[in-house]
Amino acid sequence: MVYRRIRDLREDSDLKQKTLAEYLTCSQVCYSQYELGKRDIPTDVLIKLADYYGTSIDYLLGRTDCLEEGEKMFKNKNPDGTLNLCGKNVARLRMAMRPKISQNNLAGLLQLAGLDLEKNAVQRIESGQRFVTDIELKKLAQVLGVSIEELLR
């Protein structure tokens, strides 16, 4: 079983595998194997992860889409179900750059600008599967050479 949700939660929180491995008192390799489904996650580790993210074990295991127990996942969704306003514009502006740059290259430019995002986070922003903080919005506008207002249109 691949534990995609623990990876998504970690990336959405801009955490490194090493950070969570330290919290769980295991090695980074062990934690990586949890995310990849190469190692079953012990119950006590699932409890720690659920407590850390404020969610249920059922959510971590994909048995429910409710991130918070007793609530609908992400109440603040756009009418189309996306979690941000700027994702489509980020993708459009990135692809309009000359030369056109990849999501990985955009992540690199953001890192040079002081924002620690990985390619997967850029992909999730562009597809509307990730919230965007005000700090991230400001850096995205800076790197893409547009105003924040243009990103939010």
C-alpha atoms as a PDB file:
ATOM      1  CA  MET A   1       0.000   0.000   0.000  1.00  0.00           C
ATOM      2  CA  VAL A   2       1.391   3.404  -0.988  1.00  0.00           C
ATOM      3  CA  TYR A   3       0.788   6.016   1.698  1.00  0.00           C
ATOM      4  CA  ARG A   4       0.363   8.992  -0.650  1.00  0.00           C
ATOM      5  CA  ARG A   5      -1.450  11.084   1.927  1.00  0.00           C
ATOM      6  CA  ILE A   6       1.426  11.149   4.389  1.00  0.00           C
ATOM      7  CA  ARG A   7       3.657  12.390   1.581  1.00  0.00           C
ATOM      8  CA  ASP A   8       1.090  14.994   0.500  1.00  0.00           C
ATOM      9  CA  LEU A   9       0.623  16.232   4.077  1.00  0.00           C
ATOM     10  CA  ARG A  10       4.392  16.425   4.568  1.00  0.00           C
ATOM     11  CA  GLU A  11       4.918  18.335   1.314  1.00  0.00           C
ATOM     12  CA  ASP A  12       1.965  20.654   1.974  1.00  0.00           C
ATOM     13  CA  SER A  13       3.579  21.454   5.323  1.00  0.00           C
ATOM     14  CA  ASP A  14       6.923  22.043   3.551  1.00  0.00           C
ATOM     15  CA  LEU A  15       8.616  19.440   5.735  1.00  0.00           C
ATOM     16  CA  LYS A  16      11.538  17.208   4.858  1.00  0.00           C
ATOM     17  CA  GLN A  17      11.401  13.457   5.396  1.00  0.00           C
ATOM     18  CA  LYS A  18      14.272  13.827   7.838  1.00  0.00           C
ATOM     19  CA  THR A  19      12.238  16.180  10.032  1.00  0.00           C
ATOM     20  CA  LEU A  20       9.370  13.710  10.353  1.00  0.00           C
ATOM     21  CA  ALA A  21      11.770  10.802  10.806  1.00  0.00           C
ATOM     22  CA  GLU A  22      13.293  12.616  13.785  1.00  0.00           C
ATOM     23  CA  TYR A  23       9.817  13.276  15.213  1.00  0.00           C
ATOM     24  CA  LEU A  24       8.954   9.597  14.815  1.00  0.00           C
ATOM     25  CA  THR A  25      12.392   8.493  16.073  1.00  0.00           C
ATOM     26  CA  CYS A  26      13.196   6.481  12.960  1.00  0.00           C
ATOM     27  CA  SER A  27      15.669   6.938  10.127  1.00  0.00           C
ATOM     28  CA  GLN A  28      14.940   9.005   7.008  1.00  0.00           C
ATOM     29  CA  VAL A  29      15.230   5.803   4.956  1.00  0.00           C
ATOM     30  CA  CYS A  30      12.626   4.096   7.152  1.00  0.00           C
ATOM     31  CA  TYR A  31      10.261   7.071   6.807  1.00  0.00           C
ATOM     32  CA  SER A  32      10.791   7.131   3.032  1.00  0.00           C
ATOM     33  CA  GLN A  33       9.844   3.462   2.902  1.00  0.00           C
ATOM     34  CA  TYR A  34       6.605   4.291   4.755  1.00  0.00           C
ATOM     35  CA  GLU A  35       5.705   6.892   2.101  1.00  0.00           C
ATOM     36  CA  LEU A  36       6.539   4.535  -0.758  1.00  0.00           C
ATOM     37  CA  GLY A  37       4.593   1.658   0.775  1.00  0.00           C
ATOM     38  CA  LYS A  38       7.705  -0.496   0.989  1.00  0.00           C
ATOM     39  CA  ARG A  39       7.204  -0.833   4.742  1.00  0.00           C
ATOM     40  CA  ASP A  40       3.945  -1.075   6.666  1.00  0.00           C
ATOM     41  CA  ILE A  41       3.424   1.733   9.129  1.00  0.00           C
ATOM     42  CA  PRO A  42       3.081   0.481  12.706  1.00  0.00           C
ATOM     43  CA  THR A  43      -0.034   1.532  14.596  1.00  0.00           C
ATOM     44  CA  ASP A  44       1.899   3.704  17.064  1.00  0.00           C
ATOM     45  CA  VAL A  45       3.499   5.596  14.159  1.00  0.00           C
ATOM     46  CA  LEU A  46       0.104   6.104  12.475  1.00  0.00           C
ATOM     47  CA  ILE A  47      -1.213   7.531  15.749  1.00  0.00           C
ATOM     48  CA  LYS A  48       1.749   9.926  15.998  1.00  0.00           C
ATOM     49  CA  LEU A  49       1.287  11.053  12.380  1.00  0.00           C
ATOM     50  CA  ALA A  50      -2.457  11.556  12.808  1.00  0.00           C
ATOM     51  CA  ASP A  51      -1.841  13.583  15.989  1.00  0.00           C
ATOM     52  CA  TYR A  52       0.916  15.598  14.308  1.00  0.00           C
ATOM     53  CA  TYR A  53      -1.297  16.616  11.371  1.00  0.00           C
ATOM     54  CA  GLY A  54      -4.505  16.871  13.412  1.00  0.00           C
ATOM     55  CA  THR A  55      -6.295  14.280  11.303  1.00  0.00           C
ATOM     56  CA  SER A  56      -7.552  10.720  11.598  1.00  0.00           C
ATOM     57  CA  ILE A  57      -5.817   7.458  10.869  1.00  0.00           C
ATOM     58  CA  ASP A  58      -8.684   6.742   8.458  1.00  0.00           C
ATOM     59  CA  TYR A  59      -7.680   9.840   6.473  1.00  0.00           C
ATOM     60  CA  LEU A  60      -4.014   8.786   6.406  1.00  0.00           C
ATOM     61  CA  LEU A  61      -5.023   5.344   5.135  1.00  0.00           C
ATOM     62  CA  GLY A  62      -7.382   6.726   2.478  1.00  0.00           C
ATOM     63  CA  ARG A  63     -10.529   5.334   4.126  1.00  0.00           C
ATOM     64  CA  THR A  64     -12.101   8.823   4.258  1.00  0.00           C
ATOM     65  CA  ASP A  65     -11.637  12.151   2.517  1.00  0.00           C
ATOM     66  CA  CYS A  66     -12.310  14.057   5.732  1.00  0.00           C
ATOM     67  CA  LEU A  67      -9.014  15.634   6.733  1.00  0.00           C
ATOM     68  CA  GLU A  68     -10.332  16.662  10.144  1.00  0.00           C
ATOM     69  CA  GLU A  69     -12.371  14.230  12.174  1.00  0.00           C
ATOM     70  CA  GLY A  70     -16.076  15.048  12.043  1.00  0.00           C
ATOM     71  CA  GLU A  71     -15.677  17.696   9.330  1.00  0.00           C
ATOM     72  CA  LYS A  72     -15.639  17.873   5.564  1.00  0.00           C
ATOM     73  CA  MET A  73     -12.158  18.119   4.118  1.00  0.00           C
ATOM     74  CA  PHE A  74     -11.087  21.653   3.185  1.00  0.00           C
ATOM     75  CA  LYS A  75     -14.252  23.681   3.630  1.00  0.00           C
ATOM     76  CA  ASN A  76     -12.596  26.597   1.842  1.00  0.00           C
ATOM     77  CA  LYS A  77     -12.745  25.272  -1.703  1.00  0.00           C
ATOM     78  CA  ASN A  78     -13.423  27.180  -4.888  1.00  0.00           C
ATOM     79  CA  PRO A  79     -16.650  26.306  -6.735  1.00  0.00           C
ATOM     80  CA  ASP A  80     -14.584  24.116  -9.083  1.00  0.00           C
ATOM     81  CA  GLY A  81     -13.131  22.204  -6.107  1.00  0.00           C
ATOM     82  CA  THR A  82      -9.632  23.695  -6.243  1.00  0.00           C
ATOM     83  CA  LEU A  83      -7.864  24.882  -3.108  1.00  0.00           C
ATOM     84  CA  ASN A  84      -6.293  28.066  -4.475  1.00  0.00           C
ATOM     85  CA  LEU A  85      -7.056  30.928  -6.851  1.00  0.00           C
ATOM     86  CA  CYS A  86      -3.656  31.241  -8.478  1.00  0.00           C
ATOM     87  CA  GLY A  87      -2.740  27.718  -9.624  1.00  0.00           C
ATOM     88  CA  LYS A  88      -4.014  27.966 -13.190  1.00  0.00           C
ATOM     89  CA  ASN A  89      -2.362  31.371 -13.590  1.00  0.00           C
ATOM     90  CA  VAL A  90       0.942  30.066 -12.237  1.00  0.00           C
ATOM     91  CA  ALA A  91       0.851  27.266 -14.829  1.00  0.00           C
ATOM     92  CA  ARG A  92      -0.126  29.655 -17.640  1.00  0.00           C
ATOM     93  CA  LEU A  93       2.571  32.197 -16.768  1.00  0.00           C
ATOM     94  CA  ARG A  94       5.240  29.516 -16.296  1.00  0.00           C
ATOM     95  CA  MET A  95       4.507  28.032 -19.717  1.00  0.00           C
ATOM     96  CA  ALA A  96       4.417  31.497 -21.327  1.00  0.00           C
ATOM     97  CA  MET A  97       7.955  32.266 -20.142  1.00  0.00           C
ATOM     98  CA  ARG A  98      10.595  32.243 -22.859  1.00  0.00           C
ATOM     99  CA  PRO A  99      12.283  29.953 -22.771  1.00  0.00           C
ATOM    100  CA  LYS A 100       9.445  27.905 -21.297  1.00  0.00           C
ATOM    101  CA  ILE A 101      10.427  26.471 -17.908  1.00  0.00           C
ATOM    102  CA  SER A 102       9.445  23.233 -16.202  1.00  0.00           C
ATOM    103  CA  GLN A 103       7.825  22.914 -12.791  1.00  0.00           C
ATOM    104  CA  ASN A 104      11.189  21.734 -11.510  1.00  0.00           C
ATOM    105  CA  ASN A 105      12.899  24.860 -12.900  1.00  0.00           C
ATOM    106  CA  LEU A 106      10.237  27.070 -11.305  1.00  0.00           C
ATOM    107  CA  ALA A 107      10.858  25.338  -7.975  1.00  0.00           C
ATOM    108  CA  GLY A 108      14.569  26.073  -8.412  1.00  0.00           C
ATOM    109  CA  LEU A 109      13.916  29.752  -9.141  1.00  0.00           C
ATOM    110  CA  LEU A 110      11.667  29.963  -6.093  1.00  0.00           C
ATOM    111  CA  GLN A 111      14.401  28.383  -3.977  1.00  0.00           C
ATOM    112  CA  LEU A 112      16.884  30.978  -5.250  1.00  0.00           C
ATOM    113  CA  ALA A 113      14.363  33.645  -4.227  1.00  0.00           C
ATOM    114  CA  GLY A 114      14.285  32.187  -0.704  1.00  0.00           C
ATOM    115  CA  LEU A 115      11.181  29.990  -0.877  1.00  0.00           C
ATOM    116  CA  ASP A 116      11.814  26.306  -0.190  1.00  0.00           C
ATOM    117  CA  LEU A 117       9.352  24.541  -2.494  1.00  0.00           C
ATOM    118  CA  GLU A 118       9.905  21.315  -4.390  1.00  0.00           C
ATOM    119  CA  LYS A 119       8.614  20.361  -7.851  1.00  0.00           C
ATOM    120  CA  ASN A 120       5.765  18.317  -6.351  1.00  0.00           C
ATOM    121  CA  ALA A 121       4.533  21.361  -4.418  1.00  0.00           C
ATOM    122  CA  VAL A 122       4.568  23.442  -7.633  1.00  0.00           C
ATOM    123  CA  GLN A 123       2.603  20.701  -9.409  1.00  0.00           C
ATOM    124  CA  ARG A 124       0.021  20.595  -6.604  1.00  0.00           C
ATOM    125  CA  ILE A 125      -0.294  24.405  -6.619  1.00  0.00           C
ATOM    126  CA  GLU A 126      -0.813  24.476 -10.386  1.00  0.00           C
ATOM    127  CA  SER A 127      -3.420  21.717 -10.253  1.00  0.00           C
ATOM    128  CA  GLY A 128      -5.253  23.410  -7.371  1.00  0.00           C
ATOM    129  CA  GLN A 129      -4.581  20.573  -4.938  1.00  0.00           C
ATOM    130  CA  ARG A 130      -2.613  22.724  -2.480  1.00  0.00           C
ATOM    131  CA  PHE A 131      -3.300  25.879  -0.543  1.00  0.00           C
ATOM    132  CA  VAL A 132      -0.929  28.803  -1.187  1.00  0.00           C
ATOM    133  CA  THR A 133       0.285  31.011   1.655  1.00  0.00           C
ATOM    134  CA  ASP A 134       0.649  34.769   1.312  1.00  0.00           C
ATOM    135  CA  ILE A 135       4.436  34.397   1.492  1.00  0.00           C
ATOM    136  CA  GLU A 136       4.368  31.868  -1.351  1.00  0.00           C
ATOM    137  CA  LEU A 137       2.039  34.084  -3.372  1.00  0.00           C
ATOM    138  CA  LYS A 138       4.420  37.031  -3.008  1.00  0.00           C
ATOM    139  CA  LYS A 139       7.441  34.967  -4.122  1.00  0.00           C
ATOM    140  CA  LEU A 140       5.532  33.399  -7.029  1.00  0.00           C
ATOM    141  CA  ALA A 141       4.569  36.860  -8.281  1.00  0.00           C
ATOM    142  CA  GLN A 142       8.173  38.053  -7.904  1.00  0.00           C
ATOM    143  CA  VAL A 143       9.690  35.089  -9.754  1.00  0.00           C
ATOM    144  CA  LEU A 144       7.040  35.136 -12.522  1.00  0.00           C
ATOM    145  CA  GLY A 145       7.420  38.915 -12.892  1.00  0.00           C
ATOM    146  CA  VAL A 146       3.763  39.791 -12.318  1.00  0.00           C
ATOM    147  CA  SER A 147       1.655  41.389  -9.631  1.00  0.00           C
ATOM    148  CA  ILE A 148      -0.093  39.407  -6.939  1.00  0.00           C
ATOM    149  CA  GLU A 149      -3.371  40.685  -8.386  1.00  0.00           C
ATOM    150  CA  GLU A 150      -2.534  39.123 -11.758  1.00  0.00           C
ATOM    151  CA  LEU A 151      -1.895  35.770 -10.095  1.00  0.00           C
ATOM    152  CA  LEU A 152      -5.295  35.940  -8.381  1.00  0.00           C
ATOM    153  CA  ARG A 153      -7.391  36.849 -11.465  1.00  0.00           C
END
